[in-house]
Amino acid sequence: GLVNAAAWLDGLYGSEYQELRKKHYIDLPFSLDGTGLIQPDKVNAVSAIVAAKNILQSRQMDDFEKGFNLRILLHVAGDIHQPLHCAS
């Protein structure tokens, strides 16, 4: 059920899932000495959460799309709380 759905995204390894890998994390830059920083990729954990929420709320999306994005939301909401998934 829920536990399997939440862990599912880590099991997708094929090249067809390359774009999904970026959704696991966000590299938020920080600097203690004012060094210039690289901004995070546009596809990241935060954009994945927003996109999944929008799809789940959409009346136009089918059950497959909603189920797929619910699994992404469950996984990424857990990943983003891990310190090494949200900073560079």
PDB file of N, CA and C in Angstrom:
ATOM      1  N   GLY A   1       0.771  -1.164   0.000  1.00  0.00           N
ATOM      2  CA  GLY A   1       0.000   0.000   0.000  1.00  0.00           C
ATOM      3  C   GLY A   1       0.843   1.273   0.000  1.00  0.00           C
ATOM      4  N   LEU A   2       0.650   2.042   1.014  1.00  0.00           N
ATOM      5  CA  LEU A   2       1.261   3.356   1.115  1.00  0.00           C
ATOM      6  C   LEU A   2       2.783   3.295   1.181  1.00  0.00           C
ATOM      7  N   VAL A   3       3.334   2.365   1.938  1.00  0.00           N
ATOM      8  CA  VAL A   3       4.792   2.244   2.066  1.00  0.00           C
ATOM      9  C   VAL A   3       5.412   1.869   0.723  1.00  0.00           C
ATOM     10  N   ASN A   4       4.824   0.916   0.023  1.00  0.00           N
ATOM     11  CA  ASN A   4       5.343   0.525  -1.288  1.00  0.00           C
ATOM     12  C   ASN A   4       5.236   1.666  -2.289  1.00  0.00           C
ATOM     13  N   ALA A   5       4.148   2.405  -2.252  1.00  0.00           N
ATOM     14  CA  ALA A   5       3.966   3.533  -3.164  1.00  0.00           C
ATOM     15  C   ALA A   5       4.994   4.618  -2.893  1.00  0.00           C
ATOM     16  N   ALA A   6       5.284   4.876  -1.633  1.00  0.00           N
ATOM     17  CA  ALA A   6       6.227   5.940  -1.281  1.00  0.00           C
ATOM     18  C   ALA A   6       7.657   5.598  -1.709  1.00  0.00           C
ATOM     19  N   ALA A   7       8.024   4.339  -1.688  1.00  0.00           N
ATOM     20  CA  ALA A   7       9.393   3.932  -2.039  1.00  0.00           C
ATOM     21  C   ALA A   7       9.558   3.656  -3.536  1.00  0.00           C
ATOM     22  N   TRP A   8       8.473   3.572  -4.267  1.00  0.00           N
ATOM     23  CA  TRP A   8       8.455   3.153  -5.673  1.00  0.00           C
ATOM     24  C   TRP A   8       9.393   3.962  -6.566  1.00  0.00           C
ATOM     25  N   LEU A   9       9.491   5.264  -6.379  1.00  0.00           N
ATOM     26  CA  LEU A   9      10.289   6.109  -7.276  1.00  0.00           C
ATOM     27  C   LEU A   9      11.767   5.735  -7.247  1.00  0.00           C
ATOM     28  N   ASP A  10      12.272   5.243  -6.132  1.00  0.00           N
ATOM     29  CA  ASP A  10      13.677   4.833  -6.048  1.00  0.00           C
ATOM     30  C   ASP A  10      13.965   3.591  -6.881  1.00  0.00           C
ATOM     31  N   GLY A  11      12.955   2.843  -7.253  1.00  0.00           N
ATOM     32  CA  GLY A  11      13.153   1.621  -8.016  1.00  0.00           C
ATOM     33  C   GLY A  11      13.138   1.807  -9.524  1.00  0.00           C
ATOM     34  N   LEU A  12      12.962   3.027  -9.999  1.00  0.00           N
ATOM     35  CA  LEU A  12      12.916   3.288 -11.440  1.00  0.00           C
ATOM     36  C   LEU A  12      14.308   3.664 -11.930  1.00  0.00           C
ATOM     37  N   TYR A  13      14.965   2.743 -12.640  1.00  0.00           N
ATOM     38  CA  TYR A  13      16.360   2.943 -13.025  1.00  0.00           C
ATOM     39  C   TYR A  13      16.597   3.114 -14.522  1.00  0.00           C
ATOM     40  N   GLY A  14      15.650   2.751 -15.362  1.00  0.00           N
ATOM     41  CA  GLY A  14      15.870   2.786 -16.801  1.00  0.00           C
ATOM     42  C   GLY A  14      16.101   4.191 -17.334  1.00  0.00           C
ATOM     43  N   SER A  15      16.695   4.259 -18.519  1.00  0.00           N
ATOM     44  CA  SER A  15      16.981   5.556 -19.133  1.00  0.00           C
ATOM     45  C   SER A  15      15.706   6.339 -19.413  1.00  0.00           C
ATOM     46  N   GLU A  16      14.582   5.655 -19.564  1.00  0.00           N
ATOM     47  CA  GLU A  16      13.315   6.339 -19.795  1.00  0.00           C
ATOM     48  C   GLU A  16      12.840   7.124 -18.569  1.00  0.00           C
ATOM     49  N   TYR A  17      13.482   6.892 -17.422  1.00  0.00           N
ATOM     50  CA  TYR A  17      13.119   7.592 -16.186  1.00  0.00           C
ATOM     51  C   TYR A  17      14.128   8.670 -15.805  1.00  0.00           C
ATOM     52  N   GLN A  18      15.024   9.008 -16.722  1.00  0.00           N
ATOM     53  CA  GLN A  18      16.088   9.984 -16.452  1.00  0.00           C
ATOM     54  C   GLN A  18      15.538  11.295 -15.884  1.00  0.00           C
ATOM     55  N   GLU A  19      14.475  11.808 -16.468  1.00  0.00           N
ATOM     56  CA  GLU A  19      13.914  13.091 -16.027  1.00  0.00           C
ATOM     57  C   GLU A  19      13.351  13.007 -14.600  1.00  0.00           C
ATOM     58  N   LEU A  20      12.899  11.830 -14.199  1.00  0.00           N
ATOM     59  CA  LEU A  20      12.358  11.670 -12.846  1.00  0.00           C
ATOM     60  C   LEU A  20      13.436  11.761 -11.771  1.00  0.00           C
ATOM     61  N   ARG A  21      14.676  11.467 -12.116  1.00  0.00           N
ATOM     62  CA  ARG A  21      15.763  11.495 -11.121  1.00  0.00           C
ATOM     63  C   ARG A  21      15.951  12.879 -10.521  1.00  0.00           C
ATOM     64  N   LYS A  22      15.745  13.915 -11.324  1.00  0.00           N
ATOM     65  CA  LYS A  22      15.916  15.284 -10.844  1.00  0.00           C
ATOM     66  C   LYS A  22      14.844  15.673  -9.822  1.00  0.00           C
ATOM     67  N   LYS A  23      13.759  14.920  -9.784  1.00  0.00           N
ATOM     68  CA  LYS A  23      12.646  15.242  -8.892  1.00  0.00           C
ATOM     69  C   LYS A  23      12.874  14.773  -7.454  1.00  0.00           C
ATOM     70  N   HIS A  24      13.937  14.058  -7.215  1.00  0.00           N
ATOM     71  CA  HIS A  24      14.212  13.523  -5.879  1.00  0.00           C
ATOM     72  C   HIS A  24      14.787  14.569  -4.928  1.00  0.00           C
ATOM     73  N   TYR A  25      15.313  15.654  -5.436  1.00  0.00           N
ATOM     74  CA  TYR A  25      16.066  16.592  -4.591  1.00  0.00           C
ATOM     75  C   TYR A  25      15.996  18.005  -5.160  1.00  0.00           C
ATOM     76  N   ILE A  26      16.454  18.954  -4.372  1.00  0.00           N
ATOM     77  CA  ILE A  26      16.687  20.316  -4.842  1.00  0.00           C
ATOM     78  C   ILE A  26      18.002  20.768  -4.220  1.00  0.00           C
ATOM     79  N   ASP A  27      18.886  21.256  -5.050  1.00  0.00           N
ATOM     80  CA  ASP A  27      20.168  21.759  -4.557  1.00  0.00           C
ATOM     81  C   ASP A  27      20.041  23.256  -4.296  1.00  0.00           C
ATOM     82  N   LEU A  28      19.655  23.601  -3.081  1.00  0.00           N
ATOM     83  CA  LEU A  28      19.559  25.009  -2.701  1.00  0.00           C
ATOM     84  C   LEU A  28      20.949  25.488  -2.304  1.00  0.00           C
ATOM     85  N   PRO A  29      21.487  26.444  -3.036  1.00  0.00           N
ATOM     86  CA  PRO A  29      22.852  26.888  -2.757  1.00  0.00           C
ATOM     87  C   PRO A  29      22.931  27.747  -1.494  1.00  0.00           C
ATOM     88  N   PHE A  30      24.047  27.630  -0.812  1.00  0.00           N
ATOM     89  CA  PHE A  30      24.312  28.528   0.304  1.00  0.00           C
ATOM     90  C   PHE A  30      25.806  28.779   0.361  1.00  0.00           C
ATOM     91  N   SER A  31      26.177  29.919   0.903  1.00  0.00           N
ATOM     92  CA  SER A  31      27.586  30.280   0.994  1.00  0.00           C
ATOM     93  C   SER A  31      27.813  31.053   2.276  1.00  0.00           C
ATOM     94  N   LEU A  32      28.841  30.676   2.983  1.00  0.00           N
ATOM     95  CA  LEU A  32      29.201  31.403   4.196  1.00  0.00           C
ATOM     96  C   LEU A  32      30.083  32.615   3.906  1.00  0.00           C
ATOM     97  N   ASP A  33      30.743  32.616   2.742  1.00  0.00           N
ATOM     98  CA  ASP A  33      31.699  33.691   2.451  1.00  0.00           C
ATOM     99  C   ASP A  33      31.295  34.576   1.273  1.00  0.00           C
ATOM    100  N   GLY A  34      30.057  34.452   0.792  1.00  0.00           N
ATOM    101  CA  GLY A  34      29.595  35.300  -0.304  1.00  0.00           C
ATOM    102  C   GLY A  34      29.986  34.827  -1.688  1.00  0.00           C
ATOM    103  N   THR A  35      30.516  33.616  -1.813  1.00  0.00           N
ATOM    104  CA  THR A  35      30.872  33.054  -3.106  1.00  0.00           C
ATOM    105  C   THR A  35      29.642  33.017  -4.009  1.00  0.00           C
ATOM    106  N   GLY A  36      29.828  33.320  -5.305  1.00  0.00           N
ATOM    107  CA  GLY A  36      28.731  33.236  -6.261  1.00  0.00           C
ATOM    108  C   GLY A  36      28.164  31.829  -6.310  1.00  0.00           C
ATOM    109  N   LEU A  37      26.865  31.732  -6.448  1.00  0.00           N
ATOM    110  CA  LEU A  37      26.202  30.434  -6.356  1.00  0.00           C
ATOM    111  C   LEU A  37      25.430  30.102  -7.622  1.00  0.00           C
ATOM    112  N   ILE A  38      25.322  28.831  -7.894  1.00  0.00           N
ATOM    113  CA  ILE A  38      24.544  28.324  -9.023  1.00  0.00           C
ATOM    114  C   ILE A  38      23.126  28.047  -8.526  1.00  0.00           C
ATOM    115  N   GLN A  39      22.154  28.569  -9.238  1.00  0.00           N
ATOM    116  CA  GLN A  39      20.757  28.352  -8.856  1.00  0.00           C
ATOM    117  C   GLN A  39      20.332  26.913  -9.168  1.00  0.00           C
ATOM    118  N   PRO A  40      19.343  26.400  -8.450  1.00  0.00           N
ATOM    119  CA  PRO A  40      18.900  25.019  -8.674  1.00  0.00           C
ATOM    120  C   PRO A  40      18.289  24.826 -10.056  1.00  0.00           C
ATOM    121  N   ASP A  41      18.328  23.576 -10.542  1.00  0.00           N
ATOM    122  CA  ASP A  41      17.669  23.230 -11.794  1.00  0.00           C
ATOM    123  C   ASP A  41      16.178  23.547 -11.685  1.00  0.00           C
ATOM    124  N   LYS A  42      15.545  23.826 -12.825  1.00  0.00           N
ATOM    125  CA  LYS A  42      14.115  24.118 -12.819  1.00  0.00           C
ATOM    126  C   LYS A  42      13.285  22.884 -12.477  1.00  0.00           C
ATOM    127  N   VAL A  43      13.778  21.706 -12.841  1.00  0.00           N
ATOM    128  CA  VAL A  43      13.117  20.452 -12.452  1.00  0.00           C
ATOM    129  C   VAL A  43      13.806  19.986 -11.186  1.00  0.00           C
ATOM    130  N   ASN A  44      13.048  19.942 -10.098  1.00  0.00           N
ATOM    131  CA  ASN A  44      13.607  19.582  -8.789  1.00  0.00           C
ATOM    132  C   ASN A  44      12.481  19.094  -7.887  1.00  0.00           C
ATOM    133  N   ALA A  45      12.785  18.841  -6.627  1.00  0.00           N
ATOM    134  CA  ALA A  45      11.789  18.315  -5.698  1.00  0.00           C
ATOM    135  C   ALA A  45      10.621  19.281  -5.497  1.00  0.00           C
ATOM    136  N   VAL A  46      10.907  20.565  -5.410  1.00  0.00           N
ATOM    137  CA  VAL A  46       9.834  21.540  -5.198  1.00  0.00           C
ATOM    138  C   VAL A  46       8.924  21.617  -6.422  1.00  0.00           C
ATOM    139  N   SER A  47       9.508  21.673  -7.618  1.00  0.00           N
ATOM    140  CA  SER A  47       8.675  21.718  -8.825  1.00  0.00           C
ATOM    141  C   SER A  47       7.880  20.418  -8.986  1.00  0.00           C
ATOM    142  N   ALA A  48       8.452  19.294  -8.544  1.00  0.00           N
ATOM    143  CA  ALA A  48       7.741  18.010  -8.615  1.00  0.00           C
ATOM    144  C   ALA A  48       6.526  17.999  -7.694  1.00  0.00           C
ATOM    145  N   ILE A  49       6.675  18.556  -6.499  1.00  0.00           N
ATOM    146  CA  ILE A  49       5.559  18.624  -5.553  1.00  0.00           C
ATOM    147  C   ILE A  49       4.447  19.514  -6.110  1.00  0.00           C
ATOM    148  N   VAL A  50       4.816  20.662  -6.643  1.00  0.00           N
ATOM    149  CA  VAL A  50       3.825  21.584  -7.205  1.00  0.00           C
ATOM    150  C   VAL A  50       3.105  20.941  -8.385  1.00  0.00           C
ATOM    151  N   ALA A  51       3.852  20.318  -9.284  1.00  0.00           N
ATOM    152  CA  ALA A  51       3.243  19.679 -10.459  1.00  0.00           C
ATOM    153  C   ALA A  51       2.315  18.540 -10.048  1.00  0.00           C
ATOM    154  N   ALA A  52       2.746  17.716  -9.098  1.00  0.00           N
ATOM    155  CA  ALA A  52       1.914  16.600  -8.639  1.00  0.00           C
ATOM    156  C   ALA A  52       0.629  17.112  -7.995  1.00  0.00           C
ATOM    157  N   LYS A  53       0.739  18.144  -7.198  1.00  0.00           N
ATOM    158  CA  LYS A  53      -0.449  18.730  -6.564  1.00  0.00           C
ATOM    159  C   LYS A  53      -1.429  19.237  -7.615  1.00  0.00           C
ATOM    160  N   ASN A  54      -0.909  19.925  -8.628  1.00  0.00           N
ATOM    161  CA  ASN A  54      -1.778  20.447  -9.684  1.00  0.00           C
ATOM    162  C   ASN A  54      -2.470  19.332 -10.459  1.00  0.00           C
ATOM    163  N   ILE A  55      -1.747  18.259 -10.733  1.00  0.00           N
ATOM    164  CA  ILE A  55      -2.340  17.129 -11.461  1.00  0.00           C
ATOM    165  C   ILE A  55      -3.395  16.441 -10.610  1.00  0.00           C
ATOM    166  N   LEU A  56      -3.119  16.278  -9.326  1.00  0.00           N
ATOM    167  CA  LEU A  56      -4.096  15.638  -8.442  1.00  0.00           C
ATOM    168  C   LEU A  56      -5.365  16.464  -8.307  1.00  0.00           C
ATOM    169  N   GLN A  57      -5.259  17.765  -8.429  1.00  0.00           N
ATOM    170  CA  GLN A  57      -6.436  18.644  -8.323  1.00  0.00           C
ATOM    171  C   GLN A  57      -7.160  18.843  -9.653  1.00  0.00           C
ATOM    172  N   SER A  58      -6.574  18.392 -10.747  1.00  0.00           N
ATOM    173  CA  SER A  58      -7.136  18.621 -12.069  1.00  0.00           C
ATOM    174  C   SER A  58      -8.308  17.676 -12.348  1.00  0.00           C
ATOM    175  N   ARG A  59      -9.336  18.213 -12.929  1.00  0.00           N
ATOM    176  CA  ARG A  59     -10.486  17.391 -13.346  1.00  0.00           C
ATOM    177  C   ARG A  59     -10.242  16.759 -14.712  1.00  0.00           C
ATOM    178  N   GLN A  60      -9.220  17.239 -15.437  1.00  0.00           N
ATOM    179  CA  GLN A  60      -8.943  16.732 -16.777  1.00  0.00           C
ATOM    180  C   GLN A  60      -8.021  15.507 -16.777  1.00  0.00           C
ATOM    181  N   MET A  61      -7.298  15.263 -15.697  1.00  0.00           N
ATOM    182  CA  MET A  61      -6.343  14.153 -15.659  1.00  0.00           C
ATOM    183  C   MET A  61      -7.055  12.842 -15.338  1.00  0.00           C
ATOM    184  N   ASP A  62      -6.571  11.766 -15.954  1.00  0.00           N
ATOM    185  CA  ASP A  62      -7.177  10.453 -15.711  1.00  0.00           C
ATOM    186  C   ASP A  62      -6.593   9.815 -14.446  1.00  0.00           C
ATOM    187  N   ASP A  63      -7.170   8.700 -14.058  1.00  0.00           N
ATOM    188  CA  ASP A  63      -6.753   8.027 -12.830  1.00  0.00           C
ATOM    189  C   ASP A  63      -5.297   7.567 -12.875  1.00  0.00           C
ATOM    190  N   PHE A  64      -4.817   7.150 -14.063  1.00  0.00           N
ATOM    191  CA  PHE A  64      -3.423   6.721 -14.165  1.00  0.00           C
ATOM    192  C   PHE A  64      -2.490   7.879 -13.828  1.00  0.00           C
ATOM    193  N   GLU A  65      -2.703   9.041 -14.452  1.00  0.00           N
ATOM    194  CA  GLU A  65      -1.859  10.217 -14.192  1.00  0.00           C
ATOM    195  C   GLU A  65      -1.925  10.630 -12.728  1.00  0.00           C
ATOM    196  N   LYS A  66      -3.115  10.589 -12.153  1.00  0.00           N
ATOM    197  CA  LYS A  66      -3.261  10.965 -10.749  1.00  0.00           C
ATOM    198  C   LYS A  66      -2.538   9.972  -9.841  1.00  0.00           C
ATOM    199  N   GLY A  67      -2.653   8.677 -10.139  1.00  0.00           N
ATOM    200  CA  GLY A  67      -1.963   7.671  -9.334  1.00  0.00           C
ATOM    201  C   GLY A  67      -0.453   7.795  -9.439  1.00  0.00           C
ATOM    202  N   PHE A  68       0.034   8.019 -10.653  1.00  0.00           N
ATOM    203  CA  PHE A  68       1.467   8.192 -10.890  1.00  0.00           C
ATOM    204  C   PHE A  68       1.992   9.387 -10.098  1.00  0.00           C
ATOM    205  N   ASN A  69       1.286  10.480 -10.151  1.00  0.00           N
ATOM    206  CA  ASN A  69       1.722  11.691  -9.458  1.00  0.00           C
ATOM    207  C   ASN A  69       1.514  11.628  -7.958  1.00  0.00           C
ATOM    208  N   LEU A  70       0.552  10.864  -7.483  1.00  0.00           N
ATOM    209  CA  LEU A  70       0.418  10.652  -6.046  1.00  0.00           C
ATOM    210  C   LEU A  70       1.647   9.927  -5.513  1.00  0.00           C
ATOM    211  N   ARG A  71       2.134   8.942  -6.256  1.00  0.00           N
ATOM    212  CA  ARG A  71       3.349   8.226  -5.854  1.00  0.00           C
ATOM    213  C   ARG A  71       4.555   9.163  -5.844  1.00  0.00           C
ATOM    214  N   ILE A  72       4.663  10.033  -6.845  1.00  0.00           N
ATOM    215  CA  ILE A  72       5.753  11.013  -6.856  1.00  0.00           C
ATOM    216  C   ILE A  72       5.650  11.915  -5.637  1.00  0.00           C
ATOM    217  N   LEU A  73       4.461  12.414  -5.353  1.00  0.00           N
ATOM    218  CA  LEU A  73       4.260  13.297  -4.202  1.00  0.00           C
ATOM    219  C   LEU A  73       4.633  12.615  -2.896  1.00  0.00           C
ATOM    220  N   LEU A  74       4.195  11.386  -2.699  1.00  0.00           N
ATOM    221  CA  LEU A  74       4.522  10.649  -1.472  1.00  0.00           C
ATOM    222  C   LEU A  74       6.028  10.501  -1.305  1.00  0.00           C
ATOM    223  N   HIS A  75       6.709  10.170  -2.372  1.00  0.00           N
ATOM    224  CA  HIS A  75       8.148   9.939  -2.297  1.00  0.00           C
ATOM    225  C   HIS A  75       8.921  11.239  -2.069  1.00  0.00           C
ATOM    226  N   VAL A  76       8.624  12.234  -2.877  1.00  0.00           N
ATOM    227  CA  VAL A  76       9.401  13.473  -2.838  1.00  0.00           C
ATOM    228  C   VAL A  76       9.140  14.246  -1.546  1.00  0.00           C
ATOM    229  N   ALA A  77       7.931  14.185  -1.023  1.00  0.00           N
ATOM    230  CA  ALA A  77       7.645  14.854   0.256  1.00  0.00           C
ATOM    231  C   ALA A  77       8.508  14.255   1.371  1.00  0.00           C
ATOM    232  N   GLY A  78       8.814  12.973   1.286  1.00  0.00           N
ATOM    233  CA  GLY A  78       9.722  12.357   2.259  1.00  0.00           C
ATOM    234  C   GLY A  78      11.168  12.705   1.984  1.00  0.00           C
ATOM    235  N   ASP A  79      11.573  12.673   0.714  1.00  0.00           N
ATOM    236  CA  ASP A  79      12.957  12.979   0.350  1.00  0.00           C
ATOM    237  C   ASP A  79      13.364  14.399   0.727  1.00  0.00           C
ATOM    238  N   ILE A  80      12.493  15.354   0.522  1.00  0.00           N
ATOM    239  CA  ILE A  80      12.866  16.758   0.682  1.00  0.00           C
ATOM    240  C   ILE A  80      13.170  17.101   2.151  1.00  0.00           C
ATOM    241  N   HIS A  81      12.746  16.267   3.065  1.00  0.00           N
ATOM    242  CA  HIS A  81      13.033  16.497   4.489  1.00  0.00           C
ATOM    243  C   HIS A  81      14.419  16.008   4.894  1.00  0.00           C
ATOM    244  N   GLN A  82      15.108  15.327   3.998  1.00  0.00           N
ATOM    245  CA  GLN A  82      16.456  14.831   4.307  1.00  0.00           C
ATOM    246  C   GLN A  82      17.486  15.909   3.949  1.00  0.00           C
ATOM    247  N   PRO A  83      18.346  16.263   4.850  1.00  0.00           N
ATOM    248  CA  PRO A  83      19.293  17.374   4.610  1.00  0.00           C
ATOM    249  C   PRO A  83      20.132  17.236   3.348  1.00  0.00           C
ATOM    250  N   LEU A  84      20.544  16.044   2.978  1.00  0.00           N
ATOM    251  CA  LEU A  84      21.376  15.889   1.797  1.00  0.00           C
ATOM    252  C   LEU A  84      20.582  15.877   0.503  1.00  0.00           C
ATOM    253  N   HIS A  85      19.261  16.004   0.599  1.00  0.00           N
ATOM    254  CA  HIS A  85      18.409  16.099  -0.585  1.00  0.00           C
ATOM    255  C   HIS A  85      18.001  17.542  -0.870  1.00  0.00           C
ATOM    256  N   CYS A  86      18.456  18.504  -0.072  1.00  0.00           N
ATOM    257  CA  CYS A  86      17.950  19.863  -0.257  1.00  0.00           C
ATOM    258  C   CYS A  86      19.019  20.951  -0.165  1.00  0.00           C
ATOM    259  N   ALA A  87      20.274  20.613  -0.254  1.00  0.00           N
ATOM    260  CA  ALA A  87      21.319  21.651  -0.208  1.00  0.00           C
ATOM    261  C   ALA A  87      22.532  21.189  -0.987  1.00  0.00           C
ATOM    262  N   SER A  88      23.294  22.157  -1.463  1.00  0.00           N
ATOM    263  CA  SER A  88      24.545  21.828  -2.145  1.00  0.00           C
ATOM    264  C   SER A  88      25.653  22.722  -1.618  1.00  0.00           C
TER     265      SER A  88
END
